[in-house]
Amino acid sequence: MNIHTDMKSDAIVKLDGVVKKFGEFTAVERADFEIGRGEFLAIMGSSGCGKTTTLRMLAGLEDPTEGDIWLDGERVNGKATWDRDTPMVWQSLALFPFLTVQENVEFSLRMRGISKSERTERARKWLDKMQILEFADRNISQLSGGQRQRVALARALVTEPKILLLDEPLSALDAHLKVRMQAVLSNLQKDLGITFVYVTHSMSEAFAMADRVVIMSRGRIEQIGTPQEIYHAPRNRFVAEFLGSANIFSGRLAGTSGDDWLIDTDHGRFAVSALHAPAKSPGDAVTFIVSAENMRISPEGSGVPGIRARVVGEEFVGATAIVFLETESGEELKVQKSHGELASVDLHPGSTLILHWESETCHVLPGE
């Protein structure tokens, strides 16, 4: 599914100028965006950024201080949680320990007055979809973390809602279980066509599953886009720093050379692609990024122009490694390469390397 940032058609959720204040504190500052029918939208940011408050407003657990929330064409400000049909899967899962697996899944149906026979049939259907039907009569305490996660999903989906809200549902799982449950959630959402709104602080979770991602900071929306758009073209320094995969450089525009800008920085003059950059004049401040995988490294004394930096350490990330370096001015830089690419250079702490890149791999931050 490819839903663009400016998506307008067939929106199931619309936040129109939504503000949420708690006393003098503004938790969400003017949220304006839409969520498409059948879209997997992730809202991410650090603790206190407003992502969970936004989700709670969608669920009806909080009312906006200003603005309107629309669900499937209906303004739902003030509408009770149980009248919205927006079930939530909580970080804590909130399963009832005194009920069996099947009774947990049946609970919301029982609250709606569904007959016992229909409750049983629908609960067993969803337990089967979650591949945990064999545990229907077990107590929650007898299940693993991944199995409990599936029970929580079955309980939320048994009412067959149009939208499902998920508040950091994988945060308590071990790393290998998180990866497995990401696949379960992603496949489930695609199979069912239900809109998922997923809150997380984890970039790997959001980028692995979501059609679009909302990045929040201090109650403000910093950027909305596909994972590819955000990763390759962050809007501002905050987003670039939050993603943690880019090296950020600041300087001033000295002139042009073909399609490149020439930027004077504390490390020297560098050519930066200006094809998608905002208009600037000589002398204007410019901030640009080079992702860690686009950084090149050469041995000291190779004659290649670039930035001289000292190796600080190395982190293995599967088939690649991230090398952390420090410039003479104390600035930290990162290089991510395959182990084969790194085999030809001296990576012991304290060794000196030259970092360089191609101009077309740079991205000018438009919001700076």
Protein backbone atom coordinates (compact mmCIF):
# COMPACT_ATOMS: atom_id res chain seq x y z
CA MET A 1 0.00 0.00 0.00
CA ASN A 2 1.38 3.40 -0.93
CA ILE A 3 -0.45 6.21 0.81
CA HIS A 4 1.10 9.60 0.24
CA THR A 5 1.66 12.35 2.76
CA ASP A 6 -0.99 14.55 1.14
CA MET A 7 -3.57 11.75 1.06
CA LYS A 8 -7.10 13.22 1.19
CA SER A 9 -9.47 10.64 -0.30
CA ASP A 10 -11.30 8.02 1.74
CA ALA A 11 -10.00 9.14 5.12
CA ILE A 12 -11.46 7.22 8.05
CA VAL A 13 -9.90 9.55 10.65
CA LYS A 14 -9.42 13.29 10.51
CA LEU A 15 -7.81 15.47 13.16
CA ASP A 16 -8.69 19.10 12.50
CA GLY A 17 -6.72 21.62 14.56
CA VAL A 18 -6.64 19.32 17.58
CA VAL A 19 -5.05 20.73 20.73
CA LYS A 20 -4.88 19.02 24.11
CA LYS A 21 -3.91 20.91 27.26
CA PHE A 22 -3.57 19.71 30.82
CA GLY A 23 -3.74 22.94 32.78
CA GLU A 24 -0.95 25.16 31.43
CA PHE A 25 0.82 22.24 29.76
CA THR A 26 0.16 21.66 26.06
CA ALA A 27 0.44 17.92 25.36
CA VAL A 28 -0.65 18.14 21.70
CA GLU A 29 -0.23 21.34 19.72
CA ARG A 30 -2.52 21.67 16.70
CA ALA A 31 -2.60 18.23 15.10
CA ASP A 32 -3.87 18.35 11.51
CA PHE A 33 -3.73 15.09 9.60
CA GLU A 34 -5.86 12.33 8.11
CA ILE A 35 -5.65 8.54 8.27
CA GLY A 36 -6.74 6.55 5.26
CA ARG A 37 -9.16 3.64 5.34
CA GLY A 38 -7.10 0.47 5.59
CA GLU A 39 -3.88 2.36 6.35
CA PHE A 40 -1.25 1.31 8.88
CA LEU A 41 -0.18 4.58 10.51
CA ALA A 42 2.54 4.71 13.17
CA ILE A 43 2.93 7.65 15.55
CA MET A 44 6.38 7.80 17.06
CA GLY A 45 8.50 10.01 19.25
CA SER A 46 10.26 10.04 22.58
CA SER A 47 8.47 9.91 25.95
CA GLY A 48 6.23 12.91 26.53
CA CYS A 49 6.00 13.92 22.86
CA GLY A 50 2.18 13.62 22.75
CA LYS A 51 1.81 10.38 20.80
CA THR A 52 -0.12 8.46 23.48
CA THR A 53 -2.29 11.49 24.25
CA THR A 54 -3.20 11.62 20.54
CA LEU A 55 -4.14 7.93 20.64
CA ARG A 56 -6.20 8.42 23.82
CA MET A 57 -8.14 11.22 22.12
CA LEU A 58 -8.93 8.89 19.22
CA ALA A 59 -10.10 6.28 21.71
CA GLY A 60 -12.30 8.76 23.59
CA LEU A 61 -10.27 8.53 26.80
CA GLU A 62 -9.41 12.23 26.49
CA ASP A 63 -11.33 15.07 24.86
CA PRO A 64 -9.49 17.67 22.76
CA THR A 65 -9.22 21.12 24.32
CA GLU A 66 -9.59 22.63 20.86
CA GLY A 67 -10.35 21.29 17.39
CA ASP A 68 -12.36 18.35 16.12
CA ILE A 69 -11.85 14.62 15.67
CA TRP A 70 -13.79 12.86 12.93
CA LEU A 71 -14.21 9.08 12.71
CA ASP A 72 -15.71 7.75 9.49
CA GLY A 73 -17.39 11.08 8.75
CA GLU A 74 -18.78 11.60 12.26
CA ARG A 75 -17.55 14.25 14.70
CA VAL A 76 -16.82 12.33 17.89
CA ASN A 77 -15.80 15.06 20.33
CA GLY A 78 -17.38 14.09 23.65
CA LYS A 79 -18.58 10.72 22.39
CA ALA A 80 -18.08 7.92 24.92
CA THR A 81 -15.33 5.37 24.40
CA TRP A 82 -17.75 2.43 24.21
CA ASP A 83 -19.74 4.17 21.45
CA ARG A 84 -16.74 4.72 19.14
CA ASP A 85 -15.83 1.17 18.13
CA THR A 86 -12.13 1.99 18.43
CA PRO A 87 -10.69 -0.81 20.59
CA MET A 88 -7.18 -0.40 21.96
CA VAL A 89 -4.42 -2.91 22.58
CA TRP A 90 -2.54 -1.60 25.59
CA GLN A 91 1.16 -1.76 26.40
CA SER A 92 0.25 -3.76 29.53
CA LEU A 93 -2.29 -5.82 27.46
CA ALA A 94 -4.78 -5.40 30.36
CA LEU A 95 -5.97 -9.00 30.17
CA PHE A 96 -8.18 -10.35 32.95
CA PRO A 97 -6.16 -12.91 34.96
CA PHE A 98 -9.30 -14.45 36.51
CA LEU A 99 -10.76 -15.35 33.10
CA THR A 100 -9.68 -18.02 30.63
CA VAL A 101 -8.28 -17.12 27.22
CA GLN A 102 -11.67 -17.62 25.57
CA GLU A 103 -13.50 -15.66 28.28
CA ASN A 104 -11.09 -12.76 27.79
CA VAL A 105 -11.83 -12.70 24.06
CA GLU A 106 -15.58 -12.98 24.65
CA PHE A 107 -15.63 -10.17 27.19
CA SER A 108 -16.35 -7.22 24.88
CA LEU A 109 -19.04 -9.25 23.09
CA ARG A 110 -20.69 -10.03 26.41
CA MET A 111 -20.71 -6.30 27.25
CA ARG A 112 -22.60 -5.76 23.98
CA GLY A 113 -25.26 -8.30 24.85
CA ILE A 114 -24.21 -10.87 22.23
CA SER A 115 -25.70 -14.33 22.85
CA LYS A 116 -23.53 -17.02 24.39
CA SER A 117 -23.52 -19.22 21.28
CA GLU A 118 -22.49 -16.35 19.01
CA ARG A 119 -19.85 -15.19 21.51
CA THR A 120 -18.32 -18.65 21.56
CA GLU A 121 -18.32 -18.97 17.78
CA ARG A 122 -16.76 -15.56 17.17
CA ALA A 123 -14.18 -15.92 19.94
CA ARG A 124 -13.04 -19.30 18.68
CA LYS A 125 -12.80 -17.94 15.13
CA TRP A 126 -10.43 -15.20 16.25
CA LEU A 127 -8.42 -17.48 18.49
CA ASP A 128 -7.98 -19.70 15.46
CA LYS A 129 -6.89 -16.70 13.34
CA MET A 130 -4.33 -15.88 16.04
CA GLN A 131 -3.19 -19.53 16.07
CA ILE A 132 -3.94 -19.95 19.78
CA LEU A 133 -7.23 -21.86 19.68
CA GLU A 134 -5.58 -24.76 21.52
CA PHE A 135 -5.11 -22.47 24.54
CA ALA A 136 -8.78 -21.40 24.74
CA ASP A 137 -9.37 -22.97 28.17
CA ARG A 138 -6.08 -21.93 29.75
CA ASN A 139 -5.60 -19.19 32.30
CA ILE A 140 -3.70 -16.11 31.16
CA SER A 141 -0.91 -16.88 33.65
CA GLN A 142 -0.13 -20.08 31.74
CA LEU A 143 0.71 -18.25 28.49
CA SER A 144 3.96 -16.86 27.15
CA GLY A 145 4.37 -13.16 26.35
CA GLY A 146 3.77 -13.72 22.64
CA GLN A 147 0.67 -15.82 23.32
CA ARG A 148 -0.76 -13.13 25.62
CA GLN A 149 -0.15 -10.61 22.88
CA ARG A 150 -2.24 -12.69 20.50
CA VAL A 151 -5.04 -12.95 23.07
CA ALA A 152 -5.10 -9.16 23.41
CA LEU A 153 -5.31 -8.81 19.63
CA ALA A 154 -8.09 -11.38 19.38
CA ARG A 155 -10.05 -9.60 22.13
CA ALA A 156 -9.73 -6.26 20.31
CA LEU A 157 -10.58 -7.65 16.88
CA VAL A 158 -13.45 -9.95 17.83
CA THR A 159 -15.88 -7.02 17.47
CA GLU A 160 -14.55 -6.57 13.89
CA PRO A 161 -13.90 -2.82 14.22
CA LYS A 162 -12.99 -0.49 11.36
CA ILE A 163 -9.99 0.84 13.27
CA LEU A 164 -7.64 -0.62 15.87
CA LEU A 165 -5.51 1.48 18.22
CA LEU A 166 -2.27 0.01 19.55
CA ASP A 167 -0.24 1.63 22.35
CA GLU A 168 3.33 0.24 22.33
CA PRO A 169 1.98 -3.33 22.30
CA LEU A 170 5.36 -5.01 21.73
CA SER A 171 7.45 -3.11 24.27
CA ALA A 172 7.40 -5.88 26.88
CA LEU A 173 8.48 -8.65 24.49
CA ASP A 174 11.97 -10.05 23.97
CA ALA A 175 13.77 -8.95 20.81
CA HIS A 176 13.12 -12.15 18.83
CA LEU A 177 9.43 -12.14 19.81
CA LYS A 178 9.11 -8.51 18.73
CA VAL A 179 10.26 -9.39 15.22
CA ARG A 180 7.81 -12.30 15.03
CA MET A 181 4.92 -10.20 16.30
CA GLN A 182 5.76 -7.41 13.84
CA ALA A 183 5.20 -9.92 11.06
CA VAL A 184 1.94 -11.10 12.69
CA LEU A 185 0.62 -7.55 13.00
CA SER A 186 1.67 -6.50 9.51
CA ASN A 187 0.16 -9.57 7.84
CA LEU A 188 -2.99 -9.34 9.95
CA GLN A 189 -3.55 -5.70 9.02
CA LYS A 190 -3.10 -6.40 5.32
CA ASP A 191 -5.37 -9.47 5.40
CA LEU A 192 -8.16 -7.72 7.32
CA GLY A 193 -7.92 -4.30 5.70
CA ILE A 194 -8.54 -2.70 9.10
CA THR A 195 -7.00 0.70 9.84
CA PHE A 196 -4.22 0.40 12.43
CA VAL A 197 -2.97 3.38 14.44
CA TYR A 198 0.18 2.27 16.19
CA VAL A 199 2.05 4.27 18.83
CA THR A 200 5.70 3.43 19.44
CA HIS A 201 9.06 4.96 20.33
CA SER A 202 10.83 2.33 18.21
CA MET A 203 11.88 3.36 14.70
CA SER A 204 12.50 -0.27 13.70
CA GLU A 205 8.90 -1.20 14.57
CA ALA A 206 7.34 1.82 12.88
CA PHE A 207 9.43 1.62 9.71
CA ALA A 208 9.00 -2.15 9.38
CA MET A 209 5.20 -2.11 9.50
CA ALA A 210 3.69 1.28 8.74
CA ASP A 211 2.49 2.76 5.45
CA ARG A 212 3.12 6.23 6.88
CA VAL A 213 4.81 7.51 10.02
CA VAL A 214 4.04 10.58 12.13
CA ILE A 215 7.06 11.97 14.01
CA MET A 216 6.15 14.04 17.09
CA SER A 217 8.18 16.22 19.45
CA ARG A 218 6.90 18.23 22.42
CA GLY A 219 3.34 17.96 21.21
CA ARG A 220 4.11 19.08 17.67
CA ILE A 221 4.07 17.06 14.48
CA GLU A 222 7.53 17.37 12.94
CA GLN A 223 6.96 15.26 9.82
CA ILE A 224 4.49 12.86 8.22
CA GLY A 225 5.51 10.58 5.39
CA THR A 226 6.33 7.08 4.27
CA PRO A 227 9.26 5.42 6.06
CA GLN A 228 11.34 5.90 2.89
CA GLU A 229 10.50 9.61 2.67
CA ILE A 230 11.36 10.26 6.29
CA TYR A 231 14.54 8.20 6.28
CA HIS A 232 15.97 9.65 3.08
CA ALA A 233 14.59 13.20 3.37
CA PRO A 234 14.04 14.29 6.99
CA ARG A 235 12.39 17.68 7.16
CA ASN A 236 14.52 19.23 9.90
CA ARG A 237 17.36 18.65 12.35
CA PHE A 238 15.09 17.17 15.02
CA VAL A 239 13.87 14.40 12.70
CA ALA A 240 17.40 13.70 11.46
CA GLU A 241 18.72 13.48 15.03
CA PHE A 242 15.77 11.39 16.18
CA LEU A 243 16.36 8.80 13.46
CA GLY A 244 19.99 8.63 14.56
CA SER A 245 21.29 7.36 11.22
CA ALA A 246 22.60 10.61 9.76
CA ASN A 247 25.67 12.78 10.15
CA ILE A 248 24.66 16.43 10.35
CA PHE A 249 26.80 19.31 9.06
CA SER A 250 26.21 23.05 9.15
CA GLY A 251 27.84 25.80 7.13
CA ARG A 252 27.22 28.65 4.73
CA LEU A 253 26.60 28.71 1.01
CA ALA A 254 29.78 29.84 -0.75
CA GLY A 255 28.66 29.35 -4.35
CA THR A 256 27.55 26.79 -6.89
CA SER A 257 29.14 24.22 -9.18
CA GLY A 258 26.73 22.70 -11.69
CA ASP A 259 23.86 21.13 -9.73
CA ASP A 260 25.81 21.34 -6.48
CA TRP A 261 26.13 23.94 -3.77
CA LEU A 262 29.56 24.62 -2.30
CA ILE A 263 29.21 24.76 1.48
CA ASP A 264 31.87 26.17 3.80
CA THR A 265 31.88 24.25 7.09
CA ASP A 266 34.22 23.99 10.07
CA HIS A 267 35.67 20.91 8.33
CA GLY A 268 36.31 22.60 4.99
CA ARG A 269 34.37 23.22 1.78
CA PHE A 270 32.09 20.46 0.47
CA ALA A 271 29.90 19.99 -2.59
CA VAL A 272 26.27 19.20 -1.75
CA SER A 273 23.51 18.30 -4.19
CA ALA A 274 21.05 21.19 -4.48
CA LEU A 275 18.52 19.52 -6.80
CA HIS A 276 15.84 19.31 -4.11
CA ALA A 277 17.07 22.07 -1.81
CA PRO A 278 15.15 25.26 -0.95
CA ALA A 279 16.26 28.52 -2.49
CA LYS A 280 19.32 30.08 -0.83
CA SER A 281 21.68 32.98 -1.49
CA PRO A 282 25.45 33.11 -0.97
CA GLY A 283 26.21 33.56 2.71
CA ASP A 284 22.98 31.88 3.87
CA ALA A 285 23.20 29.18 6.53
CA VAL A 286 22.80 25.61 5.23
CA THR A 287 22.41 22.35 7.18
CA PHE A 288 22.83 19.08 5.34
CA ILE A 289 23.04 15.41 6.25
CA VAL A 290 24.94 12.39 5.00
CA SER A 291 23.56 9.04 6.14
CA ALA A 292 25.95 6.64 7.85
CA GLU A 293 25.77 4.11 4.99
CA ASN A 294 26.67 6.81 2.44
CA MET A 295 29.85 7.83 4.25
CA ARG A 296 33.05 6.54 2.70
CA ILE A 297 36.27 5.85 4.56
CA SER A 298 39.88 5.93 3.43
CA PRO A 299 43.13 5.41 5.34
CA GLU A 300 44.98 8.47 6.58
CA GLY A 301 47.62 9.49 4.05
CA SER A 302 45.62 8.20 1.07
CA GLY A 303 45.42 11.69 -0.40
CA VAL A 304 41.61 11.64 -0.51
CA PRO A 305 40.12 14.98 0.62
CA GLY A 306 37.66 14.72 3.48
CA ILE A 307 37.27 14.93 7.24
CA ARG A 308 39.96 13.54 9.50
CA ALA A 309 38.46 11.57 12.39
CA ARG A 310 39.62 9.17 15.09
CA VAL A 311 37.98 5.77 15.64
CA VAL A 312 36.15 5.60 18.98
CA GLY A 313 34.41 2.24 18.74
CA GLU A 314 32.49 -0.23 16.64
CA GLU A 315 29.02 -1.80 16.92
CA PHE A 316 27.98 -4.93 15.05
CA VAL A 317 24.51 -4.78 13.44
CA GLY A 318 23.95 -8.11 11.72
CA ALA A 319 25.64 -8.10 8.33
CA THR A 320 26.95 -4.56 8.84
CA ALA A 321 28.88 -2.65 11.47
CA ILE A 322 28.60 0.96 12.66
CA VAL A 323 31.92 2.67 13.26
CA PHE A 324 31.83 5.64 15.64
CA LEU A 325 34.44 8.33 15.06
CA GLU A 326 35.34 11.69 16.57
CA THR A 327 36.66 14.71 14.73
CA GLU A 328 39.44 16.94 16.04
CA SER A 329 36.76 19.36 17.28
CA GLY A 330 34.99 16.59 19.22
CA GLU A 331 32.08 16.03 16.82
CA GLU A 332 30.79 12.43 16.61
CA LEU A 333 30.35 10.88 13.16
CA LYS A 334 29.04 7.46 12.12
CA VAL A 335 29.86 5.13 9.24
CA GLN A 336 27.84 1.97 8.49
CA LYS A 337 29.35 -0.60 6.14
CA SER A 338 29.46 -4.33 5.52
CA HIS A 339 32.18 -6.25 7.33
CA GLY A 340 33.87 -6.89 3.98
CA GLU A 341 34.05 -3.16 3.21
CA LEU A 342 35.61 -2.47 6.61
CA ALA A 343 38.19 -5.26 6.41
CA SER A 344 40.71 -3.12 4.51
CA VAL A 345 40.93 -0.29 7.07
CA ASP A 346 42.40 -0.07 10.56
CA LEU A 347 39.49 0.15 12.98
CA HIS A 348 41.23 -0.16 16.32
CA PRO A 349 40.29 2.65 18.76
CA GLY A 350 42.51 5.67 18.24
CA SER A 351 43.33 5.01 14.60
CA THR A 352 42.70 7.88 12.19
CA LEU A 353 40.61 7.67 9.01
CA ILE A 354 39.46 10.10 6.32
CA LEU A 355 35.67 10.39 5.82
CA HIS A 356 34.22 11.57 2.53
CA TRP A 357 31.09 11.19 0.36
CA GLU A 358 29.52 11.89 -3.02
CA SER A 359 27.57 15.15 -3.33
CA GLU A 360 24.44 13.40 -4.62
CA THR A 361 24.15 11.40 -1.39
CA CYS A 362 23.68 14.59 0.68
CA HIS A 363 20.29 15.94 1.71
CA VAL A 364 19.76 19.61 2.60
CA LEU A 365 17.39 20.01 5.54
CA PRO A 366 14.60 22.32 4.28
CA GLY A 367 13.38 23.20 7.78
CA GLU A 368 16.69 24.72 8.89
